Amino acid sequence: MSFYFVDPETYNRYKDRVLELSHAVQINSQEHLPADKRQPCLSDQQIAEQLGIEEQVVREIRCVAERDKYPIDEFEAAIRFKDKACRDYAARGMSSVMDRYVKKSKK
């Protein structure tokens, strides 16, 4: 396993843009937003190409910046949400995430 370190100046210069372009900030077509508000998420490689820096630098910045931006309880809530969705799918063949859409369509 290798060790990688991005200097603080590089981190501070790119962190906001890396987060905006990554999956950390999800503004996309599934949210039924107007076309001018949609923003597809990019891979680390695509972000690196767009910003003109190495992919490994993007990955390091993204991982650290996500931890800086979101408190630990956000990650824990996401884990609980995903766990419940998976368990519901296993039990019913449908995720609980879809419940709100099914209820709306039956009205």
PDB file of N, CA and C in Angstrom:
ATOM      1  N   MET A   1       0.850  -1.174   0.000  1.00  0.00           N
ATOM      2  CA  MET A   1       0.000   0.000   0.000  1.00  0.00           C
ATOM      3  C   MET A   1       0.898   1.241   0.000  1.00  0.00           C
ATOM      4  N   SER A   2       0.572   2.176  -0.869  1.00  0.00           N
ATOM      5  CA  SER A   2       1.401   3.371  -0.961  1.00  0.00           C
ATOM      6  C   SER A   2       0.832   4.504  -0.117  1.00  0.00           C
ATOM      7  N   PHE A   3       1.679   5.430   0.194  1.00  0.00           N
ATOM      8  CA  PHE A   3       1.285   6.607   0.967  1.00  0.00           C
ATOM      9  C   PHE A   3       1.305   7.792   0.024  1.00  0.00           C
ATOM     10  N   TYR A   4       0.295   8.616   0.085  1.00  0.00           N
ATOM     11  CA  TYR A   4       0.218   9.771  -0.793  1.00  0.00           C
ATOM     12  C   TYR A   4      -0.137  10.982   0.039  1.00  0.00           C
ATOM     13  N   PHE A   5       0.395  12.139  -0.342  1.00  0.00           N
ATOM     14  CA  PHE A   5       0.135  13.361   0.411  1.00  0.00           C
ATOM     15  C   PHE A   5       0.037  14.535  -0.558  1.00  0.00           C
ATOM     16  N   VAL A   6      -1.027  15.295  -0.443  1.00  0.00           N
ATOM     17  CA  VAL A   6      -1.192  16.513  -1.230  1.00  0.00           C
ATOM     18  C   VAL A   6      -0.892  17.686  -0.318  1.00  0.00           C
ATOM     19  N   ASP A   7      -0.047  18.593  -0.780  1.00  0.00           N
ATOM     20  CA  ASP A   7       0.318  19.726   0.073  1.00  0.00           C
ATOM     21  C   ASP A   7      -0.912  20.621   0.318  1.00  0.00           C
ATOM     22  N   PRO A   8      -0.954  21.297   1.463  1.00  0.00           N
ATOM     23  CA  PRO A   8      -2.115  22.121   1.835  1.00  0.00           C
ATOM     24  C   PRO A   8      -2.483  23.194   0.806  1.00  0.00           C
ATOM     25  N   GLU A   9      -1.497  23.770   0.142  1.00  0.00           N
ATOM     26  CA  GLU A   9      -1.783  24.797  -0.863  1.00  0.00           C
ATOM     27  C   GLU A   9      -2.576  24.208  -2.033  1.00  0.00           C
ATOM     28  N   THR A  10      -2.160  23.046  -2.498  1.00  0.00           N
ATOM     29  CA  THR A  10      -2.872  22.380  -3.593  1.00  0.00           C
ATOM     30  C   THR A  10      -4.264  21.959  -3.142  1.00  0.00           C
ATOM     31  N   TYR A  11      -4.346  21.408  -1.951  1.00  0.00           N
ATOM     32  CA  TYR A  11      -5.639  20.998  -1.402  1.00  0.00           C
ATOM     33  C   TYR A  11      -6.599  22.181  -1.346  1.00  0.00           C
ATOM     34  N   ASN A  12      -6.177  23.278  -0.762  1.00  0.00           N
ATOM     35  CA  ASN A  12      -7.037  24.462  -0.629  1.00  0.00           C
ATOM     36  C   ASN A  12      -7.404  25.069  -1.981  1.00  0.00           C
ATOM     37  N   ARG A  13      -6.508  24.978  -2.927  1.00  0.00           N
ATOM     38  CA  ARG A  13      -6.770  25.545  -4.253  1.00  0.00           C
ATOM     39  C   ARG A  13      -7.860  24.777  -4.998  1.00  0.00           C
ATOM     40  N   TYR A  14      -7.868  23.452  -4.863  1.00  0.00           N
ATOM     41  CA  TYR A  14      -8.751  22.623  -5.676  1.00  0.00           C
ATOM     42  C   TYR A  14      -9.932  21.987  -4.942  1.00  0.00           C
ATOM     43  N   LYS A  15      -9.964  21.983  -3.628  1.00  0.00           N
ATOM     44  CA  LYS A  15     -10.953  21.185  -2.898  1.00  0.00           C
ATOM     45  C   LYS A  15     -12.400  21.525  -3.251  1.00  0.00           C
ATOM     46  N   ASP A  16     -12.752  22.793  -3.326  1.00  0.00           N
ATOM     47  CA  ASP A  16     -14.144  23.158  -3.616  1.00  0.00           C
ATOM     48  C   ASP A  16     -14.562  22.708  -5.016  1.00  0.00           C
ATOM     49  N   ARG A  17     -13.693  22.904  -5.967  1.00  0.00           N
ATOM     50  CA  ARG A  17     -14.018  22.523  -7.349  1.00  0.00           C
ATOM     51  C   ARG A  17     -14.097  21.006  -7.495  1.00  0.00           C
ATOM     52  N   VAL A  18     -13.183  20.284  -6.855  1.00  0.00           N
ATOM     53  CA  VAL A  18     -13.213  18.823  -6.902  1.00  0.00           C
ATOM     54  C   VAL A  18     -14.537  18.306  -6.327  1.00  0.00           C
ATOM     55  N   LEU A  19     -14.950  18.838  -5.186  1.00  0.00           N
ATOM     56  CA  LEU A  19     -16.219  18.413  -4.588  1.00  0.00           C
ATOM     57  C   LEU A  19     -17.407  18.737  -5.490  1.00  0.00           C
ATOM     58  N   GLU A  20     -17.413  19.917  -6.088  1.00  0.00           N
ATOM     59  CA  GLU A  20     -18.512  20.303  -6.977  1.00  0.00           C
ATOM     60  C   GLU A  20     -18.649  19.353  -8.160  1.00  0.00           C
ATOM     61  N   LEU A  21     -17.540  18.890  -8.680  1.00  0.00           N
ATOM     62  CA  LEU A  21     -17.551  18.037  -9.869  1.00  0.00           C
ATOM     63  C   LEU A  21     -17.739  16.561  -9.540  1.00  0.00           C
ATOM     64  N   SER A  22     -17.506  16.173  -8.296  1.00  0.00           N
ATOM     65  CA  SER A  22     -17.540  14.762  -7.916  1.00  0.00           C
ATOM     66  C   SER A  22     -18.938  14.314  -7.505  1.00  0.00           C
ATOM     67  N   HIS A  23     -19.031  13.069  -7.090  1.00  0.00           N
ATOM     68  CA  HIS A  23     -20.294  12.508  -6.605  1.00  0.00           C
ATOM     69  C   HIS A  23     -20.636  13.019  -5.207  1.00  0.00           C
ATOM     70  N   ALA A  24     -19.733  13.752  -4.573  1.00  0.00           N
ATOM     71  CA  ALA A  24     -19.995  14.271  -3.232  1.00  0.00           C
ATOM     72  C   ALA A  24     -21.138  15.276  -3.241  1.00  0.00           C
ATOM     73  N   VAL A  25     -21.254  16.015  -4.332  1.00  0.00           N
ATOM     74  CA  VAL A  25     -22.347  16.971  -4.495  1.00  0.00           C
ATOM     75  C   VAL A  25     -23.160  16.476  -5.684  1.00  0.00           C
ATOM     76  N   GLN A  26     -24.331  15.950  -5.399  1.00  0.00           N
ATOM     77  CA  GLN A  26     -25.109  15.332  -6.462  1.00  0.00           C
ATOM     78  C   GLN A  26     -26.250  16.242  -6.908  1.00  0.00           C
ATOM     79  N   ILE A  27     -26.032  16.873  -8.038  1.00  0.00           N
ATOM     80  CA  ILE A  27     -27.049  17.695  -8.681  1.00  0.00           C
ATOM     81  C   ILE A  27     -27.149  17.131 -10.090  1.00  0.00           C
ATOM     82  N   ASN A  28     -28.147  16.317 -10.310  1.00  0.00           N
ATOM     83  CA  ASN A  28     -28.190  15.657 -11.606  1.00  0.00           C
ATOM     84  C   ASN A  28     -29.610  15.465 -12.113  1.00  0.00           C
ATOM     85  N   SER A  29     -29.740  14.771 -13.212  1.00  0.00           N
ATOM     86  CA  SER A  29     -31.029  14.646 -13.884  1.00  0.00           C
ATOM     87  C   SER A  29     -32.058  13.862 -13.074  1.00  0.00           C
ATOM     88  N   GLN A  30     -31.640  12.990 -12.164  1.00  0.00           N
ATOM     89  CA  GLN A  30     -32.608  12.228 -11.379  1.00  0.00           C
ATOM     90  C   GLN A  30     -33.393  13.103 -10.416  1.00  0.00           C
ATOM     91  N   GLU A  31     -32.945  14.300 -10.184  1.00  0.00           N
ATOM     92  CA  GLU A  31     -33.620  15.168  -9.234  1.00  0.00           C
ATOM     93  C   GLU A  31     -34.679  16.037  -9.890  1.00  0.00           C
ATOM     94  N   HIS A  32     -34.977  15.768 -11.153  1.00  0.00           N
ATOM     95  CA  HIS A  32     -36.023  16.492 -11.874  1.00  0.00           C
ATOM     96  C   HIS A  32     -35.808  18.002 -11.836  1.00  0.00           C
ATOM     97  N   LEU A  33     -34.575  18.408 -12.003  1.00  0.00           N
ATOM     98  CA  LEU A  33     -34.245  19.835 -12.030  1.00  0.00           C
ATOM     99  C   LEU A  33     -34.309  20.352 -13.463  1.00  0.00           C
ATOM    100  N   PRO A  34     -34.499  21.638 -13.624  1.00  0.00           N
ATOM    101  CA  PRO A  34     -34.440  22.202 -14.976  1.00  0.00           C
ATOM    102  C   PRO A  34     -33.059  21.922 -15.583  1.00  0.00           C
ATOM    103  N   ALA A  35     -33.006  21.810 -16.879  1.00  0.00           N
ATOM    104  CA  ALA A  35     -31.758  21.448 -17.574  1.00  0.00           C
ATOM    105  C   ALA A  35     -30.585  22.352 -17.216  1.00  0.00           C
ATOM    106  N   ASP A  36     -30.836  23.633 -17.019  1.00  0.00           N
ATOM    107  CA  ASP A  36     -29.737  24.550 -16.716  1.00  0.00           C
ATOM    108  C   ASP A  36     -29.183  24.374 -15.307  1.00  0.00           C
ATOM    109  N   LYS A  37     -29.885  23.633 -14.456  1.00  0.00           N
ATOM    110  CA  LYS A  37     -29.437  23.393 -13.082  1.00  0.00           C
ATOM    111  C   LYS A  37     -28.762  22.035 -12.926  1.00  0.00           C
ATOM    112  N   ARG A  38     -28.897  21.170 -13.920  1.00  0.00           N
ATOM    113  CA  ARG A  38     -28.339  19.816 -13.827  1.00  0.00           C
ATOM    114  C   ARG A  38     -26.827  19.844 -13.975  1.00  0.00           C
ATOM    115  N   GLN A  39     -26.190  18.989 -13.220  1.00  0.00           N
ATOM    116  CA  GLN A  39     -24.734  18.895 -13.269  1.00  0.00           C
ATOM    117  C   GLN A  39     -24.356  17.433 -13.096  1.00  0.00           C
ATOM    118  N   PRO A  40     -23.874  16.801 -14.154  1.00  0.00           N
ATOM    119  CA  PRO A  40     -23.493  15.395 -14.007  1.00  0.00           C
ATOM    120  C   PRO A  40     -22.268  15.259 -13.108  1.00  0.00           C
ATOM    121  N   CYS A  41     -22.201  14.172 -12.396  1.00  0.00           N
ATOM    122  CA  CYS A  41     -21.030  13.894 -11.552  1.00  0.00           C
ATOM    123  C   CYS A  41     -19.930  13.316 -12.429  1.00  0.00           C
ATOM    124  N   LEU A  42     -18.726  13.699 -12.154  1.00  0.00           N
ATOM    125  CA  LEU A  42     -17.586  13.225 -12.932  1.00  0.00           C
ATOM    126  C   LEU A  42     -16.742  12.252 -12.120  1.00  0.00           C
ATOM    127  N   SER A  43     -16.039  11.380 -12.822  1.00  0.00           N
ATOM    128  CA  SER A  43     -15.098  10.476 -12.169  1.00  0.00           C
ATOM    129  C   SER A  43     -13.848  11.262 -11.788  1.00  0.00           C
ATOM    130  N   ASP A  44     -13.022  10.664 -10.949  1.00  0.00           N
ATOM    131  CA  ASP A  44     -11.759  11.313 -10.575  1.00  0.00           C
ATOM    132  C   ASP A  44     -10.907  11.591 -11.811  1.00  0.00           C
ATOM    133  N   GLN A  45     -10.907  10.652 -12.748  1.00  0.00           N
ATOM    134  CA  GLN A  45     -10.122  10.825 -13.979  1.00  0.00           C
ATOM    135  C   GLN A  45     -10.647  12.010 -14.791  1.00  0.00           C
ATOM    136  N   GLN A  46     -11.970  12.117 -14.926  1.00  0.00           N
ATOM    137  CA  GLN A  46     -12.550  13.232 -15.675  1.00  0.00           C
ATOM    138  C   GLN A  46     -12.270  14.573 -14.998  1.00  0.00           C
ATOM    139  N   ILE A  47     -12.347  14.580 -13.667  1.00  0.00           N
ATOM    140  CA  ILE A  47     -12.047  15.815 -12.922  1.00  0.00           C
ATOM    141  C   ILE A  47     -10.589  16.203 -13.142  1.00  0.00           C
ATOM    142  N   ALA A  48      -9.696  15.218 -13.072  1.00  0.00           N
ATOM    143  CA  ALA A  48      -8.267  15.482 -13.267  1.00  0.00           C
ATOM    144  C   ALA A  48      -8.016  16.090 -14.645  1.00  0.00           C
ATOM    145  N   GLU A  49      -8.657  15.527 -15.666  1.00  0.00           N
ATOM    146  CA  GLU A  49      -8.495  16.050 -17.019  1.00  0.00           C
ATOM    147  C   GLU A  49      -9.019  17.481 -17.116  1.00  0.00           C
ATOM    148  N   GLN A  50     -10.164  17.742 -16.496  1.00  0.00           N
ATOM    149  CA  GLN A  50     -10.761  19.072 -16.565  1.00  0.00           C
ATOM    150  C   GLN A  50      -9.927  20.117 -15.821  1.00  0.00           C
ATOM    151  N   LEU A  51      -9.360  19.735 -14.682  1.00  0.00           N
ATOM    152  CA  LEU A  51      -8.589  20.678 -13.876  1.00  0.00           C
ATOM    153  C   LEU A  51      -7.109  20.710 -14.232  1.00  0.00           C
ATOM    154  N   GLY A  52      -6.667  19.736 -15.026  1.00  0.00           N
ATOM    155  CA  GLY A  52      -5.268  19.696 -15.434  1.00  0.00           C
ATOM    156  C   GLY A  52      -4.321  19.245 -14.331  1.00  0.00           C
ATOM    157  N   ILE A  53      -4.806  18.352 -13.460  1.00  0.00           N
ATOM    158  CA  ILE A  53      -3.958  17.794 -12.398  1.00  0.00           C
ATOM    159  C   ILE A  53      -4.042  16.271 -12.456  1.00  0.00           C
ATOM    160  N   GLU A  54      -3.192  15.594 -11.703  1.00  0.00           N
ATOM    161  CA  GLU A  54      -3.158  14.133 -11.720  1.00  0.00           C
ATOM    162  C   GLU A  54      -4.397  13.532 -11.059  1.00  0.00           C
ATOM    163  N   GLU A  55      -4.805  12.372 -11.569  1.00  0.00           N
ATOM    164  CA  GLU A  55      -5.961  11.678 -11.016  1.00  0.00           C
ATOM    165  C   GLU A  55      -5.759  11.340  -9.541  1.00  0.00           C
ATOM    166  N   GLN A  56      -4.571  10.905  -9.161  1.00  0.00           N
ATOM    167  CA  GLN A  56      -4.290  10.561  -7.763  1.00  0.00           C
ATOM    168  C   GLN A  56      -4.425  11.787  -6.862  1.00  0.00           C
ATOM    169  N   VAL A  57      -4.056  12.956  -7.363  1.00  0.00           N
ATOM    170  CA  VAL A  57      -4.192  14.199  -6.596  1.00  0.00           C
ATOM    171  C   VAL A  57      -5.676  14.493  -6.383  1.00  0.00           C
ATOM    172  N   VAL A  58      -6.469  14.333  -7.435  1.00  0.00           N
ATOM    173  CA  VAL A  58      -7.922  14.532  -7.315  1.00  0.00           C
ATOM    174  C   VAL A  58      -8.501  13.576  -6.276  1.00  0.00           C
ATOM    175  N   ARG A  59      -8.125  12.315  -6.344  1.00  0.00           N
ATOM    176  CA  ARG A  59      -8.661  11.312  -5.418  1.00  0.00           C
ATOM    177  C   ARG A  59      -8.331  11.661  -3.964  1.00  0.00           C
ATOM    178  N   GLU A  60      -7.098  12.049  -3.740  1.00  0.00           N
ATOM    179  CA  GLU A  60      -6.680  12.426  -2.380  1.00  0.00           C
ATOM    180  C   GLU A  60      -7.461  13.647  -1.889  1.00  0.00           C
ATOM    181  N   ILE A  61      -7.570  14.654  -2.746  1.00  0.00           N
ATOM    182  CA  ILE A  61      -8.308  15.862  -2.373  1.00  0.00           C
ATOM    183  C   ILE A  61      -9.764  15.511  -2.081  1.00  0.00           C
ATOM    184  N   ARG A  62     -10.391  14.727  -2.947  1.00  0.00           N
ATOM    185  CA  ARG A  62     -11.805  14.374  -2.784  1.00  0.00           C
ATOM    186  C   ARG A  62     -12.043  13.634  -1.477  1.00  0.00           C
ATOM    187  N   CYS A  63     -11.234  12.660  -1.194  1.00  0.00           N
ATOM    188  CA  CYS A  63     -11.427  11.866   0.025  1.00  0.00           C
ATOM    189  C   CYS A  63     -11.288  12.720   1.288  1.00  0.00           C
ATOM    190  N   VAL A  64     -10.281  13.549   1.325  1.00  0.00           N
ATOM    191  CA  VAL A  64     -10.076  14.405   2.495  1.00  0.00           C
ATOM    192  C   VAL A  64     -11.169  15.469   2.574  1.00  0.00           C
ATOM    193  N   ALA A  65     -11.506  16.068   1.443  1.00  0.00           N
ATOM    194  CA  ALA A  65     -12.506  17.143   1.423  1.00  0.00           C
ATOM    195  C   ALA A  65     -13.892  16.634   1.823  1.00  0.00           C
ATOM    196  N   GLU A  66     -14.234  15.410   1.417  1.00  0.00           N
ATOM    197  CA  GLU A  66     -15.527  14.841   1.823  1.00  0.00           C
ATOM    198  C   GLU A  66     -15.602  14.707   3.340  1.00  0.00           C
ATOM    199  N   ARG A  67     -14.518  14.280   3.938  1.00  0.00           N
ATOM    200  CA  ARG A  67     -14.496  14.142   5.404  1.00  0.00           C
ATOM    201  C   ARG A  67     -14.532  15.499   6.089  1.00  0.00           C
ATOM    202  N   ASP A  68     -13.912  16.489   5.462  1.00  0.00           N
ATOM    203  CA  ASP A  68     -13.949  17.847   6.020  1.00  0.00           C
ATOM    204  C   ASP A  68     -15.336  18.469   5.893  1.00  0.00           C
ATOM    205  N   LYS A  69     -16.010  18.199   4.784  1.00  0.00           N
ATOM    206  CA  LYS A  69     -17.293  18.851   4.494  1.00  0.00           C
ATOM    207  C   LYS A  69     -18.453  18.245   5.285  1.00  0.00           C
ATOM    208  N   TYR A  70     -18.481  16.921   5.382  1.00  0.00           N
ATOM    209  CA  TYR A  70     -19.626  16.249   5.983  1.00  0.00           C
ATOM    210  C   TYR A  70     -19.264  15.684   7.348  1.00  0.00           C
ATOM    211  N   PRO A  71     -20.065  15.960   8.368  1.00  0.00           N
ATOM    212  CA  PRO A  71     -19.798  15.403   9.688  1.00  0.00           C
ATOM    213  C   PRO A  71     -20.034  13.884   9.688  1.00  0.00           C
ATOM    214  N   ILE A  72     -19.473  13.211  10.645  1.00  0.00           N
ATOM    215  CA  ILE A  72     -19.551  11.754  10.707  1.00  0.00           C
ATOM    216  C   ILE A  72     -20.992  11.256  10.760  1.00  0.00           C
ATOM    217  N   ASP A  73     -21.896  12.012  11.388  1.00  0.00           N
ATOM    218  CA  ASP A  73     -23.275  11.543  11.461  1.00  0.00           C
ATOM    219  C   ASP A  73     -23.948  11.530  10.083  1.00  0.00           C
ATOM    220  N   GLU A  74     -23.452  12.310   9.120  1.00  0.00           N
ATOM    221  CA  GLU A  74     -23.968  12.234   7.745  1.00  0.00           C
ATOM    222  C   GLU A  74     -23.621  10.878   7.141  1.00  0.00           C
ATOM    223  N   PHE A  75     -22.389  10.431   7.353  1.00  0.00           N
ATOM    224  CA  PHE A  75     -21.977   9.133   6.841  1.00  0.00           C
ATOM    225  C   PHE A  75     -22.760   8.014   7.526  1.00  0.00           C
ATOM    226  N   GLU A  76     -22.956   8.129   8.835  1.00  0.00           N
ATOM    227  CA  GLU A  76     -23.713   7.115   9.574  1.00  0.00           C
ATOM    228  C   GLU A  76     -25.167   7.070   9.106  1.00  0.00           C
ATOM    229  N   ALA A  77     -25.770   8.217   8.856  1.00  0.00           N
ATOM    230  CA  ALA A  77     -27.150   8.262   8.360  1.00  0.00           C
ATOM    231  C   ALA A  77     -27.236   7.610   6.977  1.00  0.00           C
ATOM    232  N   ALA A  78     -26.243   7.843   6.147  1.00  0.00           N
ATOM    233  CA  ALA A  78     -26.225   7.236   4.816  1.00  0.00           C
ATOM    234  C   ALA A  78     -26.114   5.719   4.917  1.00  0.00           C
ATOM    235  N   ILE A  79     -25.296   5.242   5.843  1.00  0.00           N
ATOM    236  CA  ILE A  79     -25.151   3.801   6.033  1.00  0.00           C
ATOM    237  C   ILE A  79     -26.481   3.195   6.491  1.00  0.00           C
ATOM    238  N   ARG A  80     -27.157   3.850   7.436  1.00  0.00           N
ATOM    239  CA  ARG A  80     -28.464   3.352   7.908  1.00  0.00           C
ATOM    240  C   ARG A  80     -29.491   3.350   6.771  1.00  0.00           C
ATOM    241  N   PHE A  81     -29.515   4.405   5.982  1.00  0.00           N
ATOM    242  CA  PHE A  81     -30.437   4.512   4.858  1.00  0.00           C
ATOM    243  C   PHE A  81     -30.204   3.372   3.864  1.00  0.00           C
ATOM    244  N   LYS A  82     -28.955   3.162   3.493  1.00  0.00           N
ATOM    245  CA  LYS A  82     -28.624   2.109   2.524  1.00  0.00           C
ATOM    246  C   LYS A  82     -28.923   0.730   3.088  1.00  0.00           C
ATOM    247  N   ASP A  83     -28.629   0.522   4.357  1.00  0.00           N
ATOM    248  CA  ASP A  83     -28.901  -0.760   4.997  1.00  0.00           C
ATOM    249  C   ASP A  83     -30.402  -1.061   4.983  1.00  0.00           C
ATOM    250  N   LYS A  84     -31.217  -0.072   5.349  1.00  0.00           N
ATOM    251  CA  LYS A  84     -32.670  -0.254   5.354  1.00  0.00           C
ATOM    252  C   LYS A  84     -33.186  -0.532   3.945  1.00  0.00           C
ATOM    253  N   ALA A  85     -32.699   0.216   2.965  1.00  0.00           N
ATOM    254  CA  ALA A  85     -33.133   0.013   1.583  1.00  0.00           C
ATOM    255  C   ALA A  85     -32.794  -1.395   1.099  1.00  0.00           C
ATOM    256  N   CYS A  86     -31.609  -1.878   1.428  1.00  0.00           N
ATOM    257  CA  CYS A  86     -31.200  -3.225   1.019  1.00  0.00           C
ATOM    258  C   CYS A  86     -32.021  -4.303   1.722  1.00  0.00           C
ATOM    259  N   ARG A  87     -32.242  -4.125   3.026  1.00  0.00           N
ATOM    260  CA  ARG A  87     -33.041  -5.108   3.770  1.00  0.00           C
ATOM    261  C   ARG A  87     -34.489  -5.142   3.275  1.00  0.00           C
ATOM    262  N   ASP A  88     -35.057  -3.976   2.997  1.00  0.00           N
ATOM    263  CA  ASP A  88     -36.424  -3.923   2.465  1.00  0.00           C
ATOM    264  C   ASP A  88     -36.496  -4.594   1.099  1.00  0.00           C
ATOM    265  N   TYR A  89     -35.501  -4.361   0.282  1.00  0.00           N
ATOM    266  CA  TYR A  89     -35.485  -4.985  -1.040  1.00  0.00           C
ATOM    267  C   TYR A  89     -35.399  -6.505  -0.912  1.00  0.00           C
ATOM    268  N   ALA A  90     -34.552  -6.977   0.004  1.00  0.00           N
ATOM    269  CA  ALA A  90     -34.411  -8.422   0.208  1.00  0.00           C
ATOM    270  C   ALA A  90     -35.719  -9.033   0.714  1.00  0.00           C
ATOM    271  N   ALA A  91     -36.432  -8.310   1.562  1.00  0.00           N
ATOM    272  CA  ALA A  91     -37.666  -8.835   2.148  1.00  0.00           C
ATOM    273  C   ALA A  91     -38.865  -8.722   1.200  1.00  0.00           C
ATOM    274  N   ARG A  92     -38.932  -7.616   0.436  1.00  0.00           N
ATOM    275  CA  ARG A  92     -40.137  -7.355  -0.346  1.00  0.00           C
ATOM    276  C   ARG A  92     -39.912  -7.332  -1.853  1.00  0.00           C
ATOM    277  N   GLY A  93     -38.675  -7.366  -2.272  1.00  0.00           N
ATOM    278  CA  GLY A  93     -38.398  -7.252  -3.696  1.00  0.00           C
ATOM    279  C   GLY A  93     -38.506  -5.822  -4.191  1.00  0.00           C
ATOM    280  N   MET A  94     -38.646  -4.890  -3.241  1.00  0.00           N
ATOM    281  CA  MET A  94     -38.728  -3.471  -3.588  1.00  0.00           C
ATOM    282  C   MET A  94     -38.117  -2.688  -2.439  1.00  0.00           C
ATOM    283  N   SER A  95     -37.312  -1.717  -2.772  1.00  0.00           N
ATOM    284  CA  SER A  95     -36.678  -0.897  -1.746  1.00  0.00           C
ATOM    285  C   SER A  95     -37.682   0.054  -1.121  1.00  0.00           C
ATOM    286  N   SER A  96     -37.495   0.375   0.132  1.00  0.00           N
ATOM    287  CA  SER A  96     -38.347   1.357   0.813  1.00  0.00           C
ATOM    288  C   SER A  96     -38.185   2.738   0.201  1.00  0.00           C
ATOM    289  N   VAL A  97     -37.114   2.946  -0.520  1.00  0.00           N
ATOM    290  CA  VAL A  97     -36.881   4.223  -1.184  1.00  0.00           C
ATOM    291  C   VAL A  97     -38.005   4.487  -2.186  1.00  0.00           C
ATOM    292  N   MET A  98     -38.534   3.420  -2.776  1.00  0.00           N
ATOM    293  CA  MET A  98     -39.578   3.567  -3.785  1.00  0.00           C
ATOM    294  C   MET A  98     -40.964   3.757  -3.175  1.00  0.00           C
ATOM    295  N   ASP A  99     -41.133   3.547  -1.886  1.00  0.00           N
ATOM    296  CA  ASP A  99     -42.449   3.657  -1.244  1.00  0.00           C
ATOM    297  C   ASP A  99     -43.129   4.983  -1.533  1.00  0.00           C
ATOM    298  N   ARG A 100     -42.398   6.060  -1.437  1.00  0.00           N
ATOM    299  CA  ARG A 100     -43.023   7.375  -1.650  1.00  0.00           C
ATOM    300  C   ARG A 100     -43.499   7.547  -3.087  1.00  0.00           C
ATOM    301  N   TYR A 101     -42.821   6.923  -4.046  1.00  0.00           N
ATOM    302  CA  TYR A 101     -43.236   7.039  -5.440  1.00  0.00           C
ATOM    303  C   TYR A 101     -44.458   6.160  -5.712  1.00  0.00           C
ATOM    304  N   VAL A 102     -44.481   4.989  -5.104  1.00  0.00           N
ATOM    305  CA  VAL A 102     -45.626   4.090  -5.256  1.00  0.00           C
ATOM    306  C   VAL A 102     -46.871   4.718  -4.647  1.00  0.00           C
ATOM    307  N   LYS A 103     -46.732   5.310  -3.474  1.00  0.00           N
ATOM    308  CA  LYS A 103     -47.873   5.955  -2.801  1.00  0.00           C
ATOM    309  C   LYS A 103     -48.404   7.118  -3.629  1.00  0.00           C
ATOM    310  N   LYS A 104     -47.516   7.901  -4.227  1.00  0.00           N
ATOM    311  CA  LYS A 104     -47.942   9.040  -5.053  1.00  0.00           C
ATOM    312  C   LYS A 104     -48.711   8.555  -6.286  1.00  0.00           C
ATOM    313  N   SER A 105     -48.246   7.485  -6.906  1.00  0.00           N
ATOM    314  CA  SER A 105     -48.878   7.012  -8.139  1.00  0.00           C
ATOM    315  C   SER A 105     -50.250   6.380  -7.877  1.00  0.00           C
ATOM    316  N   LYS A 106     -50.508   5.922  -6.659  1.00  0.00           N
ATOM    317  CA  LYS A 106     -51.792   5.310  -6.317  1.00  0.00           C
ATOM    318  C   LYS A 106     -52.875   6.343  -5.975  1.00  0.00           C
ATOM    319  N   LYS A 107     -52.463   7.585  -5.760  1.00  0.00           N
ATOM    320  CA  LYS A 107     -53.438   8.635  -5.400  1.00  0.00           C
ATOM    321  C   LYS A 107     -54.296   9.031  -6.571  1.00  0.00           C
TER     322      LYS A 107
END
